[in-house]
Protein backbone atom coordinates (compact mmCIF):
# COMPACT_ATOMS: atom_id res chain seq x y z
CA GLY A 1 -5.48 -11.88 -21.94
CA LYS A 2 -6.66 -8.41 -22.83
CA LEU A 3 -3.85 -6.08 -23.90
CA VAL A 4 -4.15 -2.42 -22.99
CA SER A 5 -1.56 0.23 -23.80
CA SER A 6 -0.89 3.76 -22.63
CA SER A 7 2.00 6.22 -22.70
CA LEU A 8 4.32 7.27 -19.90
CA THR A 9 6.17 10.59 -19.81
CA TYR A 10 9.63 10.81 -18.26
CA ALA A 11 10.13 13.72 -15.93
CA GLY A 12 13.89 13.48 -16.37
CA GLY A 13 16.84 14.50 -14.25
CA SER A 14 17.55 13.68 -10.64
CA THR A 15 15.21 13.53 -7.67
CA GLY A 16 15.35 17.29 -7.23
CA ASN A 17 14.25 18.12 -10.78
CA GLN A 18 10.71 19.27 -11.41
CA SER A 19 8.19 17.51 -13.63
CA ASN A 20 6.89 18.50 -17.04
CA PHE A 21 3.49 18.91 -15.41
CA THR A 22 4.88 21.49 -12.99
CA GLN A 23 6.72 23.42 -15.69
CA GLY A 24 3.53 23.46 -17.72
CA SER A 25 1.55 24.74 -14.76
CA VAL A 26 3.97 27.62 -14.20
CA HIS A 27 3.97 28.44 -17.90
CA LEU A 28 0.17 28.41 -17.88
CA CYS A 29 0.08 30.78 -14.90
CA LEU A 30 2.43 33.22 -16.62
CA GLU A 31 0.45 33.08 -19.83
CA LYS A 32 -2.74 33.80 -17.90
CA VAL A 33 -1.17 36.88 -16.34
CA LYS A 34 -0.19 38.16 -19.78
CA PHE A 35 -3.61 37.43 -21.17
CA THR A 36 -5.74 38.93 -18.42
CA GLY A 37 -3.91 42.25 -18.38
CA LEU A 38 -4.01 45.00 -15.82
CA SER A 39 -7.78 45.59 -15.91
CA HIS A 40 -8.53 41.97 -15.06
CA PHE A 41 -5.89 42.06 -12.34
CA ARG A 42 -7.67 45.02 -10.73
CA GLN A 43 -10.99 43.17 -10.94
CA MET A 44 -9.45 40.20 -9.14
CA CYS A 45 -8.14 42.50 -6.41
CA ARG A 46 -11.62 43.90 -5.84
CA PHE A 47 -13.20 40.45 -5.98
CA PHE A 48 -10.91 38.98 -3.31
CA GLY A 49 -10.76 42.17 -1.24
CA LEU A 50 -6.98 42.36 -1.54
CA ASN A 51 -4.59 45.02 -2.63
CA ARG A 52 -2.26 44.36 -5.54
CA LYS A 53 0.72 43.32 -3.43
CA GLN A 54 -1.37 40.87 -1.45
CA LEU A 55 -2.89 39.27 -4.53
CA LEU A 56 0.50 39.03 -6.23
CA TYR A 57 1.95 37.45 -3.07
CA PHE A 58 -0.76 34.79 -2.88
CA SER A 59 -0.50 34.10 -6.62
CA LEU A 60 3.25 33.49 -6.36
CA LEU A 61 2.67 31.36 -3.26
CA ALA A 62 0.21 29.19 -5.20
CA VAL A 63 2.76 28.71 -8.00
CA ALA A 64 5.41 27.79 -5.41
CA VAL A 65 3.09 25.19 -3.85
CA ILE A 66 2.55 23.61 -7.27
CA TYR A 67 6.31 23.46 -7.75
CA LEU A 68 7.05 21.99 -4.33
CA ARG A 69 4.36 19.32 -4.75
CA ALA A 70 5.80 18.16 -8.06
CA ASP A 71 6.62 14.67 -6.75
CA GLN A 72 2.91 14.14 -5.99
CA THR A 73 1.53 15.32 -9.32
CA PRO A 74 0.56 13.04 -12.22
CA GLY A 75 3.31 14.59 -14.37
CA LYS A 76 6.12 13.02 -12.33
CA GLN A 77 5.47 9.66 -13.90
CA LEU A 78 8.92 8.27 -13.26
CA GLU A 79 12.10 9.70 -11.85
CA ARG A 80 15.79 9.06 -12.09
CA ILE A 81 17.07 8.32 -8.59
CA CYS A 82 20.83 8.15 -9.06
CA PRO A 83 23.69 7.02 -11.29
CA LEU A 84 24.84 3.45 -10.77
CA PRO A 85 28.25 2.68 -9.26
CA GLY A 86 31.03 2.77 -11.83
CA GLU A 87 31.80 -0.94 -11.42
CA LEU A 88 28.22 -1.84 -12.34
CA THR A 89 28.76 -1.43 -16.06
CA GLU A 90 25.99 -3.68 -17.41
CA SER A 91 23.26 -3.95 -14.78
CA SER A 92 21.12 -6.96 -15.69
CA GLY A 93 19.24 -7.74 -12.48
CA LEU A 94 17.91 -5.90 -9.46
CA VAL A 95 16.71 -6.67 -5.93
CA VAL A 96 15.33 -3.88 -3.75
CA GLN A 97 15.81 -4.50 -0.03
CA ASP A 98 14.43 -1.08 0.93
CA ASN A 99 14.39 2.41 -0.60
CA ASN A 100 18.09 2.84 0.21
CA THR A 101 19.53 -0.66 -0.35
CA PHE A 102 19.82 -2.32 -3.75
CA TRP A 103 21.57 -5.41 -5.15
CA SER A 104 22.55 -5.84 -8.80
CA ILE A 105 24.75 -7.92 -11.11
CA ASN A 106 26.72 -7.42 -14.30
CA ASP A 107 25.88 -9.08 -17.59
CA SER A 108 27.62 -12.00 -19.30
CA GLY A 109 31.35 -12.45 -18.97
CA GLY A 110 31.62 -10.31 -15.86
CA GLU A 111 32.93 -11.41 -12.50
CA ALA A 112 30.79 -13.69 -10.33
CA VAL A 113 30.08 -10.71 -8.08
CA LEU A 114 27.05 -9.12 -6.42
CA TYR A 115 27.02 -5.34 -6.03
CA GLN A 116 25.14 -3.56 -3.25
CA PHE A 117 24.59 0.19 -3.52
CA ASP A 118 22.49 2.92 -1.93
CA SER A 119 20.08 5.53 -3.32
CA THR A 120 22.93 7.96 -4.02
CA GLY A 121 24.69 5.42 -6.25
CA ARG A 122 27.44 4.74 -3.70
CA LEU A 123 28.81 1.18 -3.82
CA THR A 124 28.43 -0.26 -0.31
CA THR A 125 29.30 -3.95 -0.82
CA LYS A 126 31.05 -5.98 -3.51
CA ARG A 127 30.57 -9.66 -2.81
CA LEU A 128 32.24 -12.50 -4.67
CA VAL A 129 29.87 -15.45 -5.16
CA ILE A 130 32.13 -18.34 -4.18
CA GLY A 131 31.61 -21.51 -6.22
CA ALA A 132 29.69 -19.74 -9.01
CA SER A 133 30.65 -18.67 -12.52
CA ASN A 134 29.13 -15.97 -14.69
CA THR A 135 28.45 -17.50 -18.09
CA ASP A 136 25.56 -15.15 -18.83
CA TRP A 137 23.96 -13.74 -15.67
CA GLU A 138 20.74 -12.02 -16.66
CA SER A 139 18.37 -11.93 -13.67
CA LEU A 140 18.32 -11.49 -9.91
CA THR A 141 15.55 -12.17 -7.40
CA ASN A 142 15.28 -13.09 -3.74
CA GLN A 143 13.39 -14.78 -0.96
CA GLY A 144 14.40 -13.09 2.28
CA ASP A 145 18.18 -13.29 2.63
CA THR A 146 18.55 -15.80 -0.21
CA LEU A 147 19.40 -14.31 -3.60
CA TYR A 148 18.78 -16.26 -6.80
CA ILE A 149 21.03 -15.33 -9.71
CA GLY A 150 19.73 -16.38 -13.11
CA ASP A 151 22.53 -17.69 -15.34
CA ILE A 152 19.86 -17.98 -18.01
CA GLY A 153 21.15 -15.83 -20.87
CA ASN A 154 21.07 -17.91 -24.05
CA ASN A 155 21.43 -15.60 -27.03
CA LEU A 156 22.20 -18.39 -29.49
CA ASN A 157 19.66 -20.78 -27.93
CA SER A 158 22.38 -23.43 -27.74
CA ARG A 159 23.34 -23.62 -24.04
CA THR A 160 23.07 -26.88 -22.12
CA ASN A 161 24.39 -25.51 -18.79
CA LEU A 162 21.58 -23.13 -17.79
CA CYS A 163 21.07 -22.67 -14.07
CA PHE A 164 20.21 -20.48 -11.13
CA TRP A 165 22.69 -19.81 -8.35
CA ALA A 166 21.22 -19.68 -4.83
CA LEU A 167 23.20 -17.62 -2.35
CA ASP A 168 22.31 -17.21 1.32
CA LEU A 169 23.69 -13.81 2.32
CA ASN A 170 24.57 -15.27 5.71
CA ASP A 171 26.71 -17.96 4.06
CA ARG A 172 29.70 -17.81 1.73
CA GLY A 173 29.11 -20.35 -1.02
CA ALA A 174 26.38 -20.67 -3.65
CA ASP A 175 24.32 -23.71 -4.62
CA GLN A 176 23.67 -24.48 -8.26
CA LEU A 177 20.13 -25.20 -9.47
CA PRO A 178 20.56 -26.53 -13.04
CA PHE A 179 17.68 -26.96 -15.46
CA ALA A 180 16.82 -27.80 -19.05
CA TYR A 181 13.87 -26.59 -21.09
CA PRO A 182 11.30 -29.37 -21.34
CA ASP A 183 10.23 -28.21 -24.82
CA GLN A 184 13.70 -27.89 -26.40
CA GLN A 185 15.10 -30.79 -28.39
CA HIS A 186 17.72 -29.09 -30.59
CA PHE A 187 20.71 -26.91 -29.59
CA PRO A 188 20.18 -24.56 -31.29
CA PRO A 189 16.70 -25.06 -32.73
CA PRO A 190 15.69 -23.67 -36.14
CA ARG A 191 15.75 -19.88 -36.21
CA ASN A 192 11.95 -19.69 -36.33
CA ASN A 193 11.91 -21.31 -32.88
CA TRP A 194 14.55 -19.20 -31.09
CA ASN A 195 12.62 -18.77 -27.85
CA PHE A 196 14.94 -20.32 -25.23
CA ASP A 197 16.73 -17.20 -24.06
CA ALA A 198 15.60 -15.47 -20.83
CA GLU A 199 16.41 -12.38 -18.77
CA GLY A 200 13.58 -11.91 -16.27
CA SER A 201 12.78 -14.07 -13.22
CA PHE A 202 11.15 -13.87 -9.80
CA TYR A 203 10.57 -16.03 -6.71
CA HIS A 204 7.03 -16.92 -5.66
CA ASP A 205 5.54 -19.62 -3.47
CA SER A 206 8.66 -21.84 -3.18
CA ALA A 207 9.44 -21.66 -6.89
CA LEU A 208 11.35 -19.65 -9.46
CA TYR A 209 9.43 -18.27 -12.43
CA TRP A 210 10.90 -16.79 -15.58
CA PHE A 211 9.79 -15.49 -18.97
CA SER A 212 11.49 -16.22 -22.27
CA LYS A 213 13.06 -13.53 -24.44
CA THR A 214 11.82 -14.53 -27.85
CA ARG A 215 13.57 -13.80 -31.14
CA VAL A 216 10.73 -15.22 -33.21
CA LYS A 217 9.58 -12.58 -35.70
CA ALA A 218 6.20 -13.97 -36.78
CA ARG A 219 3.58 -13.73 -34.02
CA PRO A 220 6.09 -13.76 -31.13
CA ARG A 221 5.09 -15.15 -27.75
CA THR A 222 6.86 -15.11 -24.41
CA LYS A 223 6.81 -18.37 -22.46
CA LEU A 224 6.41 -18.71 -18.70
CA TYR A 225 8.41 -21.41 -16.91
CA ARG A 226 8.51 -22.57 -13.30
CA MET A 227 10.95 -24.61 -11.23
CA ARG A 228 10.73 -25.51 -7.55
CA THR A 229 13.80 -24.60 -5.53
CA GLN A 230 14.40 -28.00 -3.97
CA PRO A 231 17.32 -30.14 -5.25
CA LYS A 232 16.87 -31.97 -8.58
CA ALA A 233 13.68 -30.06 -9.43
CA LYS A 234 12.83 -29.78 -13.13
CA ALA A 235 11.65 -26.80 -15.15
CA GLU A 236 8.07 -26.90 -16.43
CA LEU A 237 6.36 -24.84 -19.09
CA ILE A 238 3.29 -23.10 -17.66
CA ASP A 239 1.93 -21.13 -20.63
CA SER A 240 2.82 -18.57 -23.29
CA PHE A 241 1.53 -15.05 -23.95
CA ARG A 242 1.22 -12.91 -27.05
CA ILE A 243 3.58 -10.05 -26.19
CA ASP A 244 5.29 -8.37 -29.13
CA HIS A 245 8.41 -7.42 -27.18
CA MET A 246 11.63 -8.94 -25.94
CA ILE A 247 11.25 -9.42 -22.16
CA THR A 248 14.38 -8.31 -20.31
CA GLY A 249 13.23 -8.24 -16.67
CA ALA A 250 10.45 -9.46 -14.37
CA ASP A 251 9.24 -9.30 -10.79
CA ILE A 252 6.16 -9.96 -8.66
CA SER A 253 4.56 -7.62 -6.12
CA THR A 254 4.82 -8.33 -2.41
CA ASP A 255 1.13 -9.27 -2.27
CA GLY A 256 1.68 -11.80 -5.09
CA LYS A 257 -1.09 -10.35 -7.26
CA THR A 258 0.82 -8.45 -9.93
CA VAL A 259 3.72 -9.30 -12.24
CA VAL A 260 5.68 -6.65 -14.13
CA LEU A 261 7.75 -7.36 -17.23
CA MET A 262 10.41 -5.06 -18.63
CA GLY A 263 11.06 -4.52 -22.31
CA TYR A 264 13.00 -1.97 -24.34
CA GLY A 265 10.73 1.07 -24.10
CA LYS A 266 7.81 -0.81 -22.48
CA VAL A 267 6.66 -2.04 -19.08
CA PHE A 268 3.93 -4.70 -18.94
CA ARG A 269 1.62 -5.46 -16.03
CA LEU A 270 0.06 -8.93 -15.72
CA HIS A 271 -2.71 -9.38 -13.17
CA PRO A 272 -4.22 -11.04 -11.29
CA PHE A 273 -1.30 -13.47 -11.24
CA ASP A 274 -2.36 -17.08 -10.82
CA PRO A 275 0.05 -19.59 -12.37
CA ASP A 276 -2.59 -22.32 -12.21
CA HIS A 277 -5.02 -20.23 -14.29
CA PRO A 278 -2.79 -18.11 -16.57
CA SER A 279 -5.51 -17.57 -19.17
CA LYS A 280 -7.24 -15.18 -16.73
CA LEU A 281 -4.32 -12.76 -16.80
CA GLU A 282 -4.99 -9.27 -18.10
CA ILE A 283 -1.97 -7.72 -19.81
CA GLU A 284 -1.47 -3.96 -19.90
CA SER A 285 1.49 -1.91 -21.08
CA ILE A 286 2.89 1.58 -20.73
CA SER A 287 5.70 3.23 -22.66
CA ILE A 288 8.90 4.48 -21.07
CA PRO A 289 11.90 6.24 -22.64
CA LYS A 290 13.71 3.65 -24.70
CA SER A 291 17.10 2.54 -23.40
CA GLN A 292 18.77 -0.77 -22.60
CA THR A 293 16.61 -1.58 -19.58
CA GLU A 294 17.28 -5.12 -18.35
CA SER A 295 15.93 -5.26 -14.80
CA ILE A 296 12.87 -4.33 -12.78
CA ALA A 297 11.98 -4.94 -9.13
CA PHE A 298 9.09 -4.15 -6.82
CA LEU A 299 9.30 -2.36 -3.50
CA GLY A 300 6.05 -3.47 -1.88
CA SER A 301 3.17 -3.52 -4.34
CA ASP A 302 2.87 0.14 -5.31
CA GLN A 303 6.20 1.08 -6.84
CA CYS A 304 8.96 -0.38 -8.97
CA TYR A 305 12.61 0.36 -9.54
CA PHE A 306 14.57 -0.44 -12.66
CA THR A 307 18.05 0.09 -14.05
CA ASP A 308 19.46 0.51 -17.51
CA GLU A 309 22.86 -0.39 -18.93
CA GLN A 310 23.49 3.29 -19.58
CA GLY A 311 24.05 3.54 -15.82
CA SER A 312 20.97 4.86 -13.99
CA LEU A 313 18.45 3.76 -11.36
CA TYR A 314 14.81 4.81 -11.80
CA ARG A 315 11.63 4.64 -9.70
CA MET A 316 8.11 4.31 -11.09
CA SER A 317 4.71 4.34 -9.39
CA MET A 318 2.32 1.53 -10.31
CA LYS A 319 -0.45 4.15 -10.30
CA ARG A 320 0.68 4.97 -13.85
CA PHE A 321 -1.28 1.93 -15.02
CA GLU A 322 -4.56 3.35 -13.65
């Protein structure tokens, strides 16, 4: 599909911090006051029929309004919501239940544990996934109260025990959904075909979808796979896309029309999503501050959250792609 790129500016800090746009607006106002000088200030007083104190009051009020509306200005392109709980040392997947309830997992070699936390970064639940093991957990998605943990990390492209773990939050144990790549014959394959690692998945229409994290240098492509969630289902290759980035996270909007992919320093939007006609997808990208971002998740269809392994939760409006 068509690839479009634009840049994204980080406003930085916590929720209470103001955006670069706001700071620029205040700076601009102050510079204008310096530039216009006293004579122009008097002319403005006469023009508006105000005395100096009144005009100064309304000017400062206008600046204050700009500051207080910072969250609604284009400059606040993404914001840091909170630090992650200390036990979540390598966040590699994210599910957003609502704007105050989040689930995440740790990367390979960690405990087989799900972590729930709130928008202040407070750990609210630590749940052991009974019957599961964490070989290389890299993704997390859900359908209602069922969470799907992707044990799909495959850095050396040599694993033969790849699977998803399905956990009903109202139950205790997890069910294993094993799979094999239909287009892989060698474990590992030649280095110029190392494209059987994955870190981003989502649930849609009774199936799990995931994108490969390619290590191919020459003309890299990410592959899209699908597997139904019923027992003994097999993975199938849907298509591949020319994306010159390692994909480390993925999710689909609530309305099922838009897919987002996370990369190091990039977010991609694929739409309209139709797995039966993938060639119609348009691919756009925006830049974000580069860190080890390995998860992304929608809340509704208008905003996304993502985490990084440096220990922060962020929120981003999808309007940044417009």
